Amino acid sequence: MNKGVLLPEVIEVRQEFPAPLVADVGKAVAGEMRRRSPGIRPGSRVAIAVGSRGIHRIAGMVAAVVTEVRAAGGIPFIVPAMGSHGGATAEGQRELLAGYGITEGQVGAPVISSMEVIQLGSTPGGLPVFCDRQAAGADGIILINRVKPHTSFHAPIESGLAKMLAIGLGKDTGAQLIHSHGVEGLKNLIPEVARLMLRKLPVVLGLAVIENAYDQTARVEALLPGEILSREPDLLAEARSLMPSLPFDHLDVLVVQEIGKNISGTGMDPAITGRLGIRGQPDLPRPRVGRLAVLDLTPETHGNAHGVGSADIITRRLHEKIDLQKTYTNALTAGFPEKAAIPLTAGSDREAVALAMATCGRPVDAASVRLVLIKNTLQVSKLFISRALAEEALAKEHVRLSGEWRTLGFDPNGTLSHLWT
């Protein structure tokens, strides 16, 4: 299909963003824990809640928490706090953590993974609130999570410690109940459920992590339980101010090399692609993308292609890596089955790009197509653009062109090569 389409030449572009940086995350975590003195009693069992997101140097953060808990006389253990991820199985969630280097051998504490929950009570509106049984039975709980904009809604509290409580520690049961109320339910129920959980559970500390535009740690801040809901809106605003973006308002074609749960909760961040991908909800105002092509899944996502439905075209290589059970479980729990819909499948990377050009909504050729290629939505400081975007890119102060114009290189199977090495 479309083998005769002439693809554009591209050039490397570098974007420069403000980038506060925590050089030693282990030291920062230890310093914050000592500063806040969470009051861990000798002999107490402390559950360290860790999610499924690909947080920069998360294993080092967890190891530092384990060390500090032991130094205080506590007995640390890890619990996965990730709702239905990992196919909603205990082993699947253990595997996700292992993929981030979070195993007993690497962080110094056992991983106790279970999907069993207990009910803590109900919200004023009557919604039952559940929590991982292992965490609820501990003497103390420490939460570790990144604070960032959510991929499905905007509110004072989005993704962060409150969401880890309400949805992550709620496991599949709690996550399904909250997500069944749709986007408006997420906005209102996450803080409401988290508030009840903070009253009922022995939470001693939350470690909020903010990342910069280069997917690096910008801040680590320890919050006492009574500060989590009041402090998160300010941390969210800071996280939003540091987020990267594409330097263009309109594209004919956006090509994303890889998506996965380690990159975004929906595989690729709508703030970068412009595609919210939820029926009945408008897409973001920028960027406006005619066709979105996705080429591959990350190994870390273990076949979970949640969010693939936001793409228009994928490759056979990606298609063959999809674990339908994990993907469908995630999408159904989230209440957005359209995010697991399988797009049109091209036989190769080259064919996917050609199809995207041929169907982008206006007649284009190699000289006129407004095309961008990115590795993933976490890494957009380096991208490749077509000639039609060069003048616009050069007009932006934070953008510079690097290297020479080149043809898109494909191996004999049509797989894109040599861009990200």
Protein backbone atom coordinates (compact mmCIF):
# COMPACT_ATOMS: atom_id res chain seq x y z
CA MET A 1 0.00 0.00 0.00
CA ASN A 2 1.22 3.51 -0.93
CA LYS A 3 4.68 2.23 -1.85
CA GLY A 4 4.99 5.00 -4.41
CA VAL A 5 4.66 7.84 -1.87
CA LEU A 6 7.88 9.87 -1.75
CA LEU A 7 8.75 10.51 1.89
CA PRO A 8 10.25 13.84 3.00
CA GLU A 9 13.79 14.55 4.05
CA VAL A 10 14.12 15.39 7.74
CA ILE A 11 16.54 17.26 9.97
CA GLU A 12 17.23 16.92 13.67
CA VAL A 13 15.79 19.62 15.91
CA ARG A 14 16.78 20.35 19.51
CA GLN A 15 14.48 22.13 21.94
CA GLU A 16 15.82 23.76 25.09
CA PHE A 17 13.56 23.85 28.13
CA PRO A 18 14.02 25.10 31.73
CA ALA A 19 15.44 22.12 33.59
CA PRO A 20 15.88 22.21 37.38
CA LEU A 21 17.65 18.99 38.33
CA VAL A 22 18.12 16.83 41.42
CA ALA A 23 21.53 15.28 40.80
CA ASP A 24 21.44 12.66 43.58
CA VAL A 25 17.89 11.36 44.05
CA GLY A 26 18.84 8.94 46.84
CA LYS A 27 20.39 11.75 48.86
CA ALA A 28 17.38 13.99 48.19
CA VAL A 29 14.93 11.31 49.34
CA ALA A 30 16.91 10.60 52.50
CA GLY A 31 17.18 14.31 53.27
CA GLU A 32 13.45 14.87 52.84
CA MET A 33 12.56 11.89 55.03
CA ARG A 34 14.86 13.10 57.81
CA ARG A 35 13.53 16.64 57.48
CA ARG A 36 9.94 15.52 57.96
CA SER A 37 10.61 12.79 60.57
CA PRO A 38 7.62 10.54 59.79
CA GLY A 39 7.76 8.87 63.20
CA ILE A 40 8.43 5.25 62.27
CA ARG A 41 8.41 3.11 65.41
CA PRO A 42 11.02 0.37 65.94
CA GLY A 43 9.62 -2.99 64.85
CA SER A 44 6.77 -1.47 62.82
CA ARG A 45 5.96 -2.90 59.38
CA VAL A 46 6.04 -0.14 56.76
CA ALA A 47 4.44 -0.59 53.33
CA ILE A 48 6.14 1.42 50.58
CA ALA A 49 3.61 2.02 47.79
CA VAL A 50 5.10 2.13 44.28
CA GLY A 51 3.19 2.54 41.02
CA SER A 52 3.54 1.44 37.40
CA ARG A 53 4.82 4.72 35.94
CA GLY A 54 8.34 4.96 34.57
CA ILE A 55 9.59 7.52 37.08
CA HIS A 56 13.22 8.54 36.54
CA ARG A 57 15.53 6.60 38.90
CA ILE A 58 12.57 5.17 40.80
CA ALA A 59 14.56 2.15 42.00
CA GLY A 60 17.12 4.46 43.63
CA MET A 61 14.32 6.37 45.36
CA VAL A 62 12.75 3.19 46.67
CA ALA A 63 16.10 1.88 47.88
CA ALA A 64 16.69 5.14 49.76
CA VAL A 65 13.29 4.90 51.44
CA VAL A 66 14.00 1.30 52.42
CA THR A 67 17.34 2.36 53.96
CA GLU A 68 15.74 5.19 55.94
CA VAL A 69 12.93 2.97 57.22
CA ARG A 70 15.43 0.37 58.39
CA ALA A 71 17.57 3.07 60.02
CA ALA A 72 14.51 4.11 62.04
CA GLY A 73 13.99 0.50 63.16
CA GLY A 74 11.11 -0.23 60.80
CA ILE A 75 10.56 -3.33 58.67
CA PRO A 76 9.96 -2.17 55.07
CA PHE A 77 8.16 -4.02 52.28
CA ILE A 78 6.98 -2.94 48.82
CA VAL A 79 3.38 -3.03 47.62
CA PRO A 80 2.38 -2.34 44.00
CA ALA A 81 -0.05 0.59 43.94
CA MET A 82 -1.22 0.52 40.35
CA GLY A 83 -4.92 -0.28 40.14
CA SER A 84 -5.53 -2.79 37.37
CA HIS A 85 -2.16 -2.56 35.63
CA GLY A 86 -0.17 -5.70 35.00
CA GLY A 87 -3.31 -7.43 33.73
CA ALA A 88 -4.90 -7.00 37.19
CA THR A 89 -2.86 -9.92 38.51
CA ALA A 90 -0.46 -10.07 41.43
CA GLU A 91 2.28 -11.59 39.30
CA GLY A 92 1.76 -9.08 36.51
CA GLN A 93 2.18 -6.19 38.94
CA ARG A 94 5.27 -7.79 40.45
CA GLU A 95 6.72 -8.09 36.93
CA LEU A 96 6.08 -4.42 36.22
CA LEU A 97 8.03 -3.40 39.32
CA ALA A 98 10.83 -5.81 38.46
CA GLY A 99 11.09 -4.14 35.06
CA TYR A 100 11.96 -0.90 36.88
CA GLY A 101 14.59 -2.63 39.00
CA ILE A 102 12.34 -2.90 42.04
CA THR A 103 13.03 -6.36 43.45
CA GLU A 104 14.14 -7.46 46.89
CA GLY A 105 17.65 -8.05 45.61
CA GLN A 106 17.91 -4.55 44.15
CA VAL A 107 16.13 -2.34 46.71
CA GLY A 108 16.58 -4.39 49.88
CA ALA A 109 12.97 -5.11 50.78
CA PRO A 110 10.50 -7.81 49.67
CA VAL A 111 7.76 -7.09 47.15
CA ILE A 112 4.41 -8.33 48.47
CA SER A 113 2.01 -8.28 45.54
CA SER A 114 -1.65 -9.14 45.94
CA MET A 115 -4.94 -8.08 44.38
CA GLU A 116 -6.83 -8.72 47.64
CA VAL A 117 -8.57 -5.66 49.08
CA ILE A 118 -10.55 -4.68 52.15
CA GLN A 119 -13.29 -2.06 52.36
CA LEU A 120 -12.37 0.96 54.46
CA GLY A 121 -15.79 2.59 54.35
CA SER A 122 -17.82 4.69 51.94
CA THR A 123 -17.73 8.28 50.72
CA PRO A 124 -20.53 10.67 51.70
CA GLY A 125 -22.07 9.88 48.32
CA GLY A 126 -22.10 6.15 49.06
CA LEU A 127 -19.13 4.99 46.97
CA PRO A 128 -17.37 2.03 48.66
CA VAL A 129 -13.65 2.67 49.25
CA PHE A 130 -11.18 -0.20 49.02
CA CYS A 131 -7.50 -0.65 49.81
CA ASP A 132 -4.82 -3.26 49.20
CA ARG A 133 -5.05 -5.63 52.19
CA GLN A 134 -1.29 -5.77 52.70
CA ALA A 135 -0.95 -1.99 52.86
CA ALA A 136 -4.00 -1.58 55.08
CA GLY A 137 -2.57 -4.12 57.53
CA ALA A 138 0.79 -2.37 57.86
CA ASP A 139 1.76 -0.13 60.77
CA GLY A 140 2.76 2.63 58.37
CA ILE A 141 2.45 3.51 54.68
CA ILE A 142 4.82 5.62 52.59
CA LEU A 143 3.64 6.74 49.16
CA ILE A 144 6.03 7.47 46.28
CA ASN A 145 4.61 8.98 43.11
CA ARG A 146 5.18 11.56 40.42
CA VAL A 147 2.88 14.60 40.40
CA LYS A 148 1.87 15.55 36.86
CA PRO A 149 -1.12 16.51 34.73
CA HIS A 150 -3.57 13.68 34.14
CA THR A 151 -4.07 12.40 30.62
CA SER A 152 -7.89 12.47 30.76
CA PHE A 153 -8.98 15.53 32.77
CA HIS A 154 -7.90 18.80 34.37
CA ALA A 155 -8.61 19.64 38.02
CA PRO A 156 -6.75 21.00 41.09
CA ILE A 157 -5.66 17.43 41.88
CA GLU A 158 -4.76 15.14 38.99
CA SER A 159 -2.00 12.49 38.96
CA GLY A 160 -0.01 12.21 42.15
CA LEU A 161 -0.18 10.95 45.72
CA ALA A 162 -3.95 11.34 46.02
CA LYS A 163 -4.50 9.32 42.86
CA MET A 164 -2.06 6.65 44.08
CA LEU A 165 -4.17 6.30 47.20
CA ALA A 166 -7.60 6.32 45.56
CA ILE A 167 -6.88 4.28 42.44
CA GLY A 168 -3.44 2.71 42.89
CA LEU A 169 -3.99 1.21 46.34
CA GLY A 170 -7.64 0.59 45.50
CA LYS A 171 -6.35 -2.09 43.10
CA ASP A 172 -8.63 -3.36 40.36
CA THR A 173 -11.76 -3.20 42.55
CA GLY A 174 -11.35 0.40 43.66
CA ALA A 175 -10.04 1.62 40.32
CA GLN A 176 -13.05 0.21 38.45
CA LEU A 177 -15.52 1.84 40.84
CA ILE A 178 -13.98 5.28 40.47
CA HIS A 179 -13.45 5.06 36.72
CA SER A 180 -17.04 3.90 36.20
CA HIS A 181 -18.12 7.48 36.97
CA GLY A 182 -16.32 8.83 33.91
CA VAL A 183 -14.23 11.95 33.54
CA GLU A 184 -16.32 14.11 35.86
CA GLY A 185 -16.24 11.35 38.45
CA LEU A 186 -12.45 11.21 38.33
CA LYS A 187 -12.19 14.94 39.00
CA ASN A 188 -14.39 14.79 42.07
CA LEU A 189 -13.87 11.29 43.43
CA ILE A 190 -10.07 11.08 43.55
CA PRO A 191 -9.71 13.75 46.28
CA GLU A 192 -12.87 12.54 48.06
CA VAL A 193 -11.71 8.92 48.21
CA ALA A 194 -8.15 9.95 49.10
CA ARG A 195 -9.45 12.06 51.98
CA LEU A 196 -11.26 9.06 53.48
CA MET A 197 -8.24 6.82 52.97
CA LEU A 198 -5.97 9.33 54.72
CA ARG A 199 -8.32 9.19 57.72
CA LYS A 200 -8.52 5.40 57.78
CA LEU A 201 -5.00 4.29 56.83
CA PRO A 202 -1.68 4.62 58.70
CA VAL A 203 -0.10 6.86 56.04
CA VAL A 204 3.04 8.41 57.57
CA LEU A 205 4.54 10.16 54.55
CA GLY A 206 4.14 10.90 50.87
CA LEU A 207 7.10 11.52 48.58
CA ALA A 208 6.02 13.75 45.69
CA VAL A 209 8.27 13.73 42.64
CA ILE A 210 8.29 16.36 39.89
CA GLU A 211 10.16 15.81 36.63
CA ASN A 212 11.54 18.32 34.16
CA ALA A 213 11.10 18.40 30.40
CA TYR A 214 13.99 15.96 29.93
CA ASP A 215 12.36 13.18 32.00
CA GLN A 216 14.72 13.88 34.92
CA THR A 217 13.99 14.53 38.59
CA ALA A 218 13.39 18.24 39.21
CA ARG A 219 12.12 18.04 42.79
CA VAL A 220 11.48 15.55 45.58
CA GLU A 221 9.26 16.80 48.40
CA ALA A 222 8.12 14.87 51.47
CA LEU A 223 4.57 15.59 52.62
CA LEU A 224 2.97 14.63 55.90
CA PRO A 225 -0.50 13.05 55.56
CA GLY A 226 -2.35 16.27 56.41
CA GLU A 227 -0.47 18.17 53.69
CA ILE A 228 -1.05 15.89 50.71
CA LEU A 229 -4.39 17.25 49.49
CA SER A 230 -3.56 20.90 50.20
CA ARG A 231 -0.05 20.84 48.68
CA GLU A 232 -0.70 18.81 45.51
CA PRO A 233 -2.35 21.66 43.52
CA ASP A 234 0.80 23.80 43.86
CA LEU A 235 3.07 20.89 42.93
CA LEU A 236 0.83 20.16 39.94
CA ALA A 237 1.14 23.75 38.75
CA GLU A 238 4.93 23.50 39.03
CA ALA A 239 4.95 20.20 37.14
CA ARG A 240 2.79 21.69 34.39
CA SER A 241 5.15 24.65 34.01
CA LEU A 242 8.08 22.27 33.39
CA MET A 243 6.35 20.06 30.84
CA PRO A 244 7.76 19.89 27.31
CA SER A 245 5.70 20.44 24.18
CA LEU A 246 6.05 20.33 20.43
CA PRO A 247 6.96 23.71 18.86
CA PHE A 248 4.12 23.60 16.31
CA ASP A 249 0.38 24.22 16.51
CA HIS A 250 -0.56 22.20 13.42
CA LEU A 251 0.92 19.08 11.84
CA ASP A 252 -0.13 16.95 8.93
CA VAL A 253 1.63 13.89 10.34
CA LEU A 254 3.05 13.04 13.75
CA VAL A 255 5.07 9.83 13.97
CA VAL A 256 5.69 8.38 17.45
CA GLN A 257 8.38 5.72 17.56
CA GLU A 258 7.14 4.02 20.75
CA ILE A 259 4.36 4.12 23.32
CA GLY A 260 3.94 2.33 26.64
CA LYS A 261 2.72 2.53 30.23
CA ASN A 262 6.22 3.45 31.38
CA ILE A 263 5.91 6.59 29.25
CA SER A 264 2.34 7.66 30.05
CA GLY A 265 -0.79 6.24 31.60
CA THR A 266 -2.27 6.30 28.12
CA GLY A 267 0.86 5.16 26.33
CA MET A 268 1.52 8.61 24.92
CA ASP A 269 0.79 11.93 26.60
CA PRO A 270 -2.10 13.92 25.06
CA ALA A 271 -0.29 17.12 26.01
CA ILE A 272 2.24 16.21 23.32
CA THR A 273 0.02 14.54 20.70
CA GLY A 274 -3.08 16.68 21.18
CA ARG A 275 -5.18 13.50 21.16
CA LEU A 276 -7.28 12.98 24.28
CA GLY A 277 -8.91 9.95 22.69
CA ILE A 278 -12.09 9.93 24.81
CA ARG A 279 -15.42 9.93 23.01
CA GLY A 280 -17.53 12.91 23.95
CA GLN A 281 -14.50 14.91 25.11
CA PRO A 282 -12.76 17.42 22.81
CA ASP A 283 -9.12 16.94 21.89
CA LEU A 284 -6.61 19.49 23.11
CA PRO A 285 -6.41 22.79 21.19
CA ARG A 286 -2.76 22.14 20.25
CA PRO A 287 -1.17 20.52 18.47
CA ARG A 288 -3.78 19.73 15.82
CA VAL A 289 -2.58 16.55 14.10
CA GLY A 290 -4.00 15.31 10.82
CA ARG A 291 -2.69 11.73 11.18
CA LEU A 292 -0.94 10.10 14.13
CA ALA A 293 1.19 7.04 13.36
CA VAL A 294 2.73 4.86 16.11
CA LEU A 295 5.46 2.37 15.29
CA ASP A 296 6.22 0.25 18.37
CA LEU A 297 5.57 -0.71 22.01
CA THR A 298 8.20 -0.39 24.73
CA PRO A 299 9.41 -3.62 26.36
CA GLU A 300 8.62 -2.14 29.79
CA THR A 301 4.89 -1.99 29.04
CA HIS A 302 4.72 -5.84 28.88
CA GLY A 303 2.23 -5.79 26.02
CA ASN A 304 -0.14 -3.24 27.57
CA ALA A 305 -1.03 -0.97 24.64
CA HIS A 306 -3.63 1.12 26.49
CA GLY A 307 -3.94 4.39 24.56
CA VAL A 308 -3.20 2.86 21.17
CA GLY A 309 -6.74 3.79 20.13
CA SER A 310 -5.68 7.43 19.96
CA ALA A 311 -3.48 6.60 16.97
CA ASP A 312 -4.74 6.48 13.39
CA ILE A 313 -2.16 4.00 12.08
CA ILE A 314 0.10 1.44 13.75
CA THR A 315 2.55 -1.13 12.43
CA ARG A 316 2.25 -4.90 12.29
CA ARG A 317 5.28 -5.05 14.61
CA LEU A 318 3.37 -3.11 17.26
CA HIS A 319 0.18 -5.07 16.67
CA GLU A 320 1.93 -8.38 17.27
CA LYS A 321 3.29 -7.16 20.63
CA ILE A 322 -0.13 -6.25 22.06
CA ASP A 323 -1.29 -8.34 25.01
CA LEU A 324 -5.04 -8.02 24.61
CA GLN A 325 -5.83 -9.24 28.11
CA LYS A 326 -3.64 -6.58 29.74
CA THR A 327 -4.72 -3.88 27.32
CA TYR A 328 -8.44 -4.60 27.59
CA THR A 329 -8.29 -4.93 31.38
CA ASN A 330 -6.66 -1.51 31.64
CA ALA A 331 -9.09 0.13 29.21
CA LEU A 332 -12.19 -1.40 30.77
CA THR A 333 -11.09 -0.53 34.29
CA ALA A 334 -10.44 3.04 33.16
CA GLY A 335 -13.90 3.15 31.59
CA PHE A 336 -12.55 4.21 28.18
CA PRO A 337 -12.65 1.12 25.91
CA GLU A 338 -11.99 3.30 22.88
CA LYS A 339 -8.40 3.72 24.10
CA ALA A 340 -7.82 0.01 23.41
CA ALA A 341 -9.28 0.07 19.89
CA ILE A 342 -6.82 -1.27 17.31
CA PRO A 343 -6.14 1.28 14.54
CA LEU A 344 -5.46 0.57 10.89
CA THR A 345 -2.37 -1.66 10.75
CA ALA A 346 0.40 -1.05 8.22
CA GLY A 347 2.88 -3.71 7.20
CA SER A 348 5.97 -1.68 8.07
CA ASP A 349 7.20 1.63 9.45
CA ARG A 350 7.65 2.98 5.94
CA GLU A 351 4.13 2.02 4.98
CA ALA A 352 2.73 3.59 8.15
CA VAL A 353 4.37 6.94 7.37
CA ALA A 354 3.24 6.79 3.74
CA LEU A 355 -0.35 5.99 4.73
CA ALA A 356 -0.37 8.85 7.23
CA MET A 357 0.78 11.27 4.51
CA ALA A 358 -1.77 9.97 2.02
CA THR A 359 -4.70 10.40 4.43
CA CYS A 360 -3.73 13.49 6.46
CA GLY A 361 -6.66 15.59 5.26
CA ARG A 362 -5.05 17.61 2.48
CA PRO A 363 -2.93 16.82 -0.57
CA VAL A 364 0.74 16.77 0.47
CA ASP A 365 4.04 15.68 -0.98
CA ALA A 366 7.60 15.41 0.32
CA ALA A 367 8.13 19.16 0.00
CA SER A 368 4.88 20.36 1.57
CA VAL A 369 4.06 17.86 4.32
CA ARG A 370 4.27 19.19 7.90
CA LEU A 371 5.74 16.09 9.52
CA VAL A 372 7.37 15.49 12.91
CA LEU A 373 8.95 12.32 14.31
CA ILE A 374 9.52 11.84 18.04
CA LYS A 375 10.88 8.87 19.97
CA ASN A 376 8.11 9.03 22.59
CA THR A 377 6.12 11.70 24.42
CA LEU A 378 8.58 11.86 27.32
CA GLN A 379 11.49 12.73 25.06
CA VAL A 380 10.71 15.67 22.81
CA SER A 381 13.83 17.76 23.31
CA LYS A 382 15.12 15.91 20.24
CA LEU A 383 12.82 15.49 17.24
CA PHE A 384 12.97 15.36 13.47
CA ILE A 385 11.03 17.66 11.16
CA SER A 386 10.34 17.93 7.45
CA ARG A 387 11.42 20.89 5.29
CA ALA A 388 7.98 22.48 5.39
CA LEU A 389 8.48 23.17 9.12
CA ALA A 390 12.06 24.48 9.03
CA GLU A 391 11.32 28.21 8.72
CA GLU A 392 8.72 28.06 11.51
CA ALA A 393 11.12 26.15 13.77
CA LEU A 394 13.96 28.64 13.24
CA ALA A 395 11.68 31.50 14.29
CA LYS A 396 11.42 30.06 17.83
CA GLU A 397 14.07 31.08 20.36
CA HIS A 398 14.23 27.73 22.17
CA VAL A 399 14.62 25.67 18.96
CA ARG A 400 17.72 25.00 16.87
CA LEU A 401 18.38 22.80 13.87
CA SER A 402 21.19 20.28 14.20
CA GLY A 403 23.10 18.32 11.58
CA GLU A 404 22.19 17.89 7.93
CA TRP A 405 19.05 17.06 6.00
CA ARG A 406 18.73 13.31 5.55
CA THR A 407 16.46 10.79 3.94
CA LEU A 408 14.43 8.56 6.23
CA GLY A 409 16.39 5.32 6.47
CA PHE A 410 14.62 1.98 6.45
CA ASP A 411 16.02 -1.53 6.59
CA PRO A 412 14.92 -4.18 4.02
CA ASN A 413 11.82 -4.89 6.13
CA GLY A 414 10.77 -1.24 6.04
CA THR A 415 11.72 -0.60 9.68
CA LEU A 416 12.87 2.93 10.49
CA SER A 417 16.47 2.99 11.66
CA HIS A 418 19.31 5.20 12.87
CA LEU A 419 17.31 8.19 14.14
CA TRP A 420 17.59 7.66 17.89
CA THR A 421 21.00 6.02 18.18
